[in-house]
Amino acid sequence: MGNRLVEHPDVAKVAFTGSTEVGRGIAAGAAQTIKRVTLELGGKSANIVFADADLERAAAAAPGAVFGNAGQDCCARSRSSSSTRRSTGSWTRWRSTSRR
């Protein structure tokens, strides 16, 4: 069904949110009929926790960053990364705080 919509000459625009691999195919198919395309592709947006960050405060904000807008957001932050090495205890506190 997807390819038929992408390649159909009466469809003026295609919007897609998903994997980079599928988006690449959509862009190639849409190019055949020169139609407009909006793509939100790939990866996971991260919460980046810097060395001087208040870990408890960042953890408390993390659920809203991924579940706000029911998670249907191209920048829903569903993973976390630290700019510096943090102790296992810090990340254990992060997990327990962000799960509340």
N, C-alpha and C. Protein backbone atom coordinates (compact mmCIF):
# COMPACT_ATOMS: atom_id res chain seq x y z
N MET A 1 0.82 -1.19 0.00
CA MET A 1 0.00 0.00 0.00
C MET A 1 0.87 1.25 0.00
N GLY A 2 1.92 1.28 0.79
CA GLY A 2 2.78 2.46 0.89
C GLY A 2 3.40 2.87 -0.43
N ASN A 3 3.97 1.91 -1.14
CA ASN A 3 4.59 2.23 -2.43
C ASN A 3 3.57 2.78 -3.41
N ARG A 4 2.37 2.24 -3.39
CA ARG A 4 1.34 2.71 -4.32
C ARG A 4 1.01 4.17 -4.06
N LEU A 5 0.95 4.57 -2.78
CA LEU A 5 0.71 5.98 -2.46
C LEU A 5 1.88 6.86 -2.87
N VAL A 6 3.08 6.42 -2.56
CA VAL A 6 4.28 7.20 -2.87
C VAL A 6 4.44 7.42 -4.37
N GLU A 7 4.15 6.41 -5.14
CA GLU A 7 4.38 6.48 -6.58
C GLU A 7 3.17 6.95 -7.38
N HIS A 8 2.02 7.07 -6.76
CA HIS A 8 0.80 7.44 -7.49
C HIS A 8 0.87 8.90 -7.96
N PRO A 9 0.58 9.17 -9.23
CA PRO A 9 0.69 10.53 -9.76
C PRO A 9 -0.33 11.51 -9.18
N ASP A 10 -1.43 11.03 -8.59
CA ASP A 10 -2.43 11.94 -8.02
C ASP A 10 -2.15 12.31 -6.56
N VAL A 11 -1.15 11.71 -5.96
CA VAL A 11 -0.76 12.05 -4.58
C VAL A 11 0.28 13.16 -4.68
N ALA A 12 -0.04 14.32 -4.06
CA ALA A 12 0.83 15.50 -4.19
C ALA A 12 1.96 15.54 -3.16
N LYS A 13 1.73 14.94 -1.99
CA LYS A 13 2.75 15.00 -0.93
C LYS A 13 2.67 13.75 -0.07
N VAL A 14 3.83 13.33 0.41
CA VAL A 14 3.92 12.19 1.32
C VAL A 14 4.62 12.64 2.58
N ALA A 15 4.06 12.32 3.75
CA ALA A 15 4.71 12.58 5.03
C ALA A 15 4.93 11.22 5.71
N PHE A 16 6.11 11.03 6.28
CA PHE A 16 6.45 9.75 6.91
C PHE A 16 7.33 9.98 8.12
N THR A 17 7.05 9.25 9.19
CA THR A 17 7.90 9.22 10.36
C THR A 17 8.29 7.76 10.59
N GLY A 18 9.59 7.49 10.63
CA GLY A 18 10.03 6.12 10.83
C GLY A 18 11.50 5.95 10.55
N SER A 19 11.86 4.78 10.06
CA SER A 19 13.27 4.44 9.89
C SER A 19 13.90 5.15 8.70
N THR A 20 15.20 5.33 8.80
CA THR A 20 15.96 5.95 7.71
C THR A 20 15.89 5.08 6.46
N GLU A 21 15.95 3.79 6.64
CA GLU A 21 15.91 2.87 5.49
C GLU A 21 14.61 3.03 4.69
N VAL A 22 13.48 3.04 5.37
CA VAL A 22 12.20 3.19 4.68
C VAL A 22 12.09 4.60 4.10
N GLY A 23 12.54 5.60 4.84
CA GLY A 23 12.51 6.98 4.33
C GLY A 23 13.29 7.15 3.05
N ARG A 24 14.41 6.48 2.95
CA ARG A 24 15.23 6.53 1.74
C ARG A 24 14.43 6.00 0.54
N GLY A 25 13.72 4.90 0.74
CA GLY A 25 12.89 4.32 -0.32
C GLY A 25 11.74 5.24 -0.70
N ILE A 26 11.13 5.89 0.29
CA ILE A 26 10.05 6.83 0.02
C ILE A 26 10.56 8.01 -0.80
N ALA A 27 11.69 8.56 -0.42
CA ALA A 27 12.26 9.69 -1.16
C ALA A 27 12.56 9.30 -2.60
N ALA A 28 13.11 8.13 -2.80
CA ALA A 28 13.43 7.67 -4.16
C ALA A 28 12.15 7.47 -4.97
N GLY A 29 11.13 6.87 -4.38
CA GLY A 29 9.87 6.65 -5.07
C GLY A 29 9.16 7.95 -5.40
N ALA A 30 9.16 8.88 -4.46
CA ALA A 30 8.50 10.17 -4.67
C ALA A 30 9.21 11.00 -5.73
N ALA A 31 10.50 10.81 -5.87
CA ALA A 31 11.27 11.56 -6.87
C ALA A 31 10.81 11.23 -8.29
N GLN A 32 10.29 10.03 -8.48
CA GLN A 32 9.85 9.61 -9.81
C GLN A 32 8.67 10.46 -10.31
N THR A 33 7.85 10.96 -9.40
CA THR A 33 6.72 11.80 -9.78
C THR A 33 6.89 13.23 -9.28
N ILE A 34 8.08 13.56 -8.81
CA ILE A 34 8.44 14.89 -8.31
C ILE A 34 7.38 15.44 -7.35
N LYS A 35 7.16 14.72 -6.26
CA LYS A 35 6.21 15.19 -5.26
C LYS A 35 6.93 15.64 -4.00
N ARG A 36 6.24 16.47 -3.24
CA ARG A 36 6.81 16.96 -1.97
C ARG A 36 6.83 15.83 -0.95
N VAL A 37 7.85 15.85 -0.11
CA VAL A 37 8.02 14.80 0.89
C VAL A 37 8.46 15.45 2.21
N THR A 38 7.86 15.02 3.30
CA THR A 38 8.31 15.40 4.64
C THR A 38 8.69 14.11 5.36
N LEU A 39 9.93 14.04 5.81
CA LEU A 39 10.43 12.84 6.48
C LEU A 39 10.97 13.19 7.86
N GLU A 40 10.59 12.42 8.87
CA GLU A 40 11.18 12.48 10.20
C GLU A 40 11.76 11.10 10.44
N LEU A 41 13.08 11.01 10.35
CA LEU A 41 13.71 9.69 10.26
C LEU A 41 14.68 9.38 11.37
N GLY A 42 14.82 8.10 11.61
CA GLY A 42 15.93 7.50 12.33
C GLY A 42 16.04 7.79 13.79
N GLY A 43 17.05 7.20 14.32
CA GLY A 43 17.59 7.38 15.63
C GLY A 43 16.70 7.73 16.79
N LYS A 44 17.33 7.88 17.88
CA LYS A 44 16.67 8.25 19.12
C LYS A 44 17.31 9.53 19.61
N SER A 45 16.49 10.47 20.01
CA SER A 45 17.01 11.70 20.58
C SER A 45 17.39 11.43 22.03
N ALA A 46 18.48 12.02 22.46
CA ALA A 46 19.00 11.72 23.80
C ALA A 46 18.87 12.90 24.75
N ASN A 47 18.67 12.58 26.03
CA ASN A 47 18.89 13.54 27.11
C ASN A 47 20.39 13.51 27.34
N ILE A 48 21.07 14.61 27.16
CA ILE A 48 22.51 14.65 27.40
C ILE A 48 22.73 15.31 28.75
N VAL A 49 23.33 14.57 29.67
CA VAL A 49 23.54 15.03 31.04
C VAL A 49 25.00 15.45 31.18
N PHE A 50 25.22 16.74 31.32
CA PHE A 50 26.58 17.26 31.43
C PHE A 50 27.13 17.07 32.84
N ALA A 51 28.44 17.20 32.97
CA ALA A 51 29.13 16.93 34.23
C ALA A 51 28.61 17.78 35.38
N ASP A 52 28.22 19.03 35.09
CA ASP A 52 27.78 19.93 36.16
C ASP A 52 26.26 19.91 36.36
N ALA A 53 25.57 18.96 35.72
CA ALA A 53 24.11 18.90 35.82
C ALA A 53 23.66 18.37 37.18
N ASP A 54 22.50 18.83 37.61
CA ASP A 54 21.85 18.30 38.80
C ASP A 54 21.16 17.01 38.35
N LEU A 55 21.76 15.87 38.69
CA LEU A 55 21.28 14.58 38.22
C LEU A 55 19.85 14.28 38.66
N GLU A 56 19.53 14.61 39.91
CA GLU A 56 18.17 14.35 40.41
C GLU A 56 17.14 15.16 39.63
N ARG A 57 17.45 16.40 39.36
CA ARG A 57 16.53 17.27 38.62
C ARG A 57 16.38 16.80 37.17
N ALA A 58 17.49 16.41 36.56
CA ALA A 58 17.44 15.91 35.18
C ALA A 58 16.62 14.63 35.11
N ALA A 59 16.80 13.75 36.09
CA ALA A 59 16.05 12.49 36.11
C ALA A 59 14.55 12.74 36.29
N ALA A 60 14.21 13.71 37.10
CA ALA A 60 12.80 14.02 37.33
C ALA A 60 12.15 14.57 36.05
N ALA A 61 12.91 15.25 35.21
CA ALA A 61 12.37 15.83 33.97
C ALA A 61 12.34 14.82 32.82
N ALA A 62 13.09 13.74 32.92
CA ALA A 62 13.23 12.79 31.81
C ALA A 62 11.91 12.17 31.35
N PRO A 63 11.01 11.74 32.22
CA PRO A 63 9.77 11.12 31.72
C PRO A 63 8.93 12.07 30.87
N GLY A 64 8.86 13.33 31.25
CA GLY A 64 8.11 14.30 30.45
C GLY A 64 8.73 14.52 29.08
N ALA A 65 10.05 14.35 28.99
CA ALA A 65 10.75 14.55 27.72
C ALA A 65 10.42 13.47 26.71
N VAL A 66 10.08 12.28 27.18
CA VAL A 66 9.74 11.20 26.25
C VAL A 66 8.24 10.98 26.14
N PHE A 67 7.50 11.18 27.23
CA PHE A 67 6.08 10.86 27.21
C PHE A 67 5.18 12.06 26.97
N GLY A 68 5.74 13.29 27.00
CA GLY A 68 4.95 14.45 26.64
C GLY A 68 4.48 14.28 25.20
N ASN A 69 3.30 14.71 24.90
CA ASN A 69 2.71 14.54 23.56
C ASN A 69 2.56 13.05 23.23
N ALA A 70 2.36 12.23 24.25
CA ALA A 70 2.16 10.78 24.09
C ALA A 70 3.32 10.12 23.36
N GLY A 71 4.51 10.70 23.43
CA GLY A 71 5.68 10.12 22.78
C GLY A 71 5.69 10.32 21.27
N GLN A 72 4.68 10.99 20.74
CA GLN A 72 4.58 11.19 19.29
C GLN A 72 5.19 12.53 18.92
N ASP A 73 6.48 12.57 19.03
CA ASP A 73 7.23 13.80 18.83
C ASP A 73 8.56 13.41 18.20
N CYS A 74 8.96 14.12 17.19
CA CYS A 74 10.19 13.74 16.49
C CYS A 74 11.43 13.92 17.38
N CYS A 75 11.29 14.63 18.48
CA CYS A 75 12.45 14.79 19.36
C CYS A 75 12.15 14.26 20.77
N ALA A 76 11.27 13.27 20.88
CA ALA A 76 11.00 12.65 22.18
C ALA A 76 12.29 11.99 22.67
N ARG A 77 12.79 12.44 23.81
CA ARG A 77 14.09 11.95 24.29
C ARG A 77 13.91 10.65 25.07
N SER A 78 14.15 9.55 24.37
CA SER A 78 13.88 8.23 24.93
C SER A 78 15.13 7.50 25.41
N ARG A 79 16.26 8.17 25.41
CA ARG A 79 17.47 7.58 25.98
C ARG A 79 18.27 8.68 26.63
N SER A 80 19.23 8.30 27.44
CA SER A 80 20.04 9.28 28.16
C SER A 80 21.51 8.99 27.96
N SER A 81 22.29 10.05 27.91
CA SER A 81 23.73 9.93 27.72
C SER A 81 24.41 10.96 28.60
N SER A 82 25.56 10.60 29.10
CA SER A 82 26.30 11.52 29.95
C SER A 82 27.59 11.94 29.26
N SER A 83 27.94 13.20 29.44
CA SER A 83 29.17 13.70 28.83
C SER A 83 30.40 13.25 29.61
N THR A 84 30.19 12.76 30.80
CA THR A 84 31.31 12.27 31.61
C THR A 84 30.93 10.95 32.23
N ARG A 85 31.92 10.26 32.70
CA ARG A 85 31.68 8.98 33.37
C ARG A 85 31.04 9.27 34.74
N ARG A 86 29.91 8.65 34.97
CA ARG A 86 29.23 8.81 36.26
C ARG A 86 29.26 7.46 36.97
N SER A 87 29.16 7.50 38.26
CA SER A 87 29.19 6.25 39.02
C SER A 87 27.93 5.44 38.78
N THR A 88 28.02 4.15 38.99
CA THR A 88 26.86 3.26 38.85
C THR A 88 25.74 3.72 39.77
N GLY A 89 26.08 4.19 40.94
CA GLY A 89 25.07 4.67 41.88
C GLY A 89 24.29 5.85 41.34
N SER A 90 24.95 6.74 40.62
CA SER A 90 24.28 7.89 40.02
C SER A 90 23.24 7.44 39.02
N TRP A 91 23.60 6.49 38.16
CA TRP A 91 22.65 6.03 37.14
C TRP A 91 21.55 5.18 37.75
N THR A 92 21.83 4.50 38.85
CA THR A 92 20.78 3.76 39.56
C THR A 92 19.76 4.75 40.11
N ARG A 93 20.24 5.84 40.70
CA ARG A 93 19.33 6.89 41.19
C ARG A 93 18.55 7.49 40.02
N TRP A 94 19.21 7.70 38.88
CA TRP A 94 18.56 8.24 37.68
C TRP A 94 17.37 7.36 37.29
N ARG A 95 17.62 6.05 37.21
CA ARG A 95 16.56 5.12 36.80
C ARG A 95 15.41 5.14 37.78
N SER A 96 15.71 5.11 39.08
CA SER A 96 14.63 5.06 40.06
C SER A 96 13.86 6.40 40.08
N THR A 97 14.53 7.52 39.94
CA THR A 97 13.87 8.82 39.95
C THR A 97 13.02 8.99 38.70
N SER A 98 13.54 8.60 37.54
CA SER A 98 12.81 8.81 36.30
C SER A 98 11.64 7.85 36.13
N ARG A 99 11.59 6.80 36.92
CA ARG A 99 10.47 5.85 36.84
C ARG A 99 9.31 6.23 37.72
N ARG A 100 9.45 7.24 38.54
CA ARG A 100 8.37 7.63 39.47
C ARG A 100 7.18 8.18 38.72
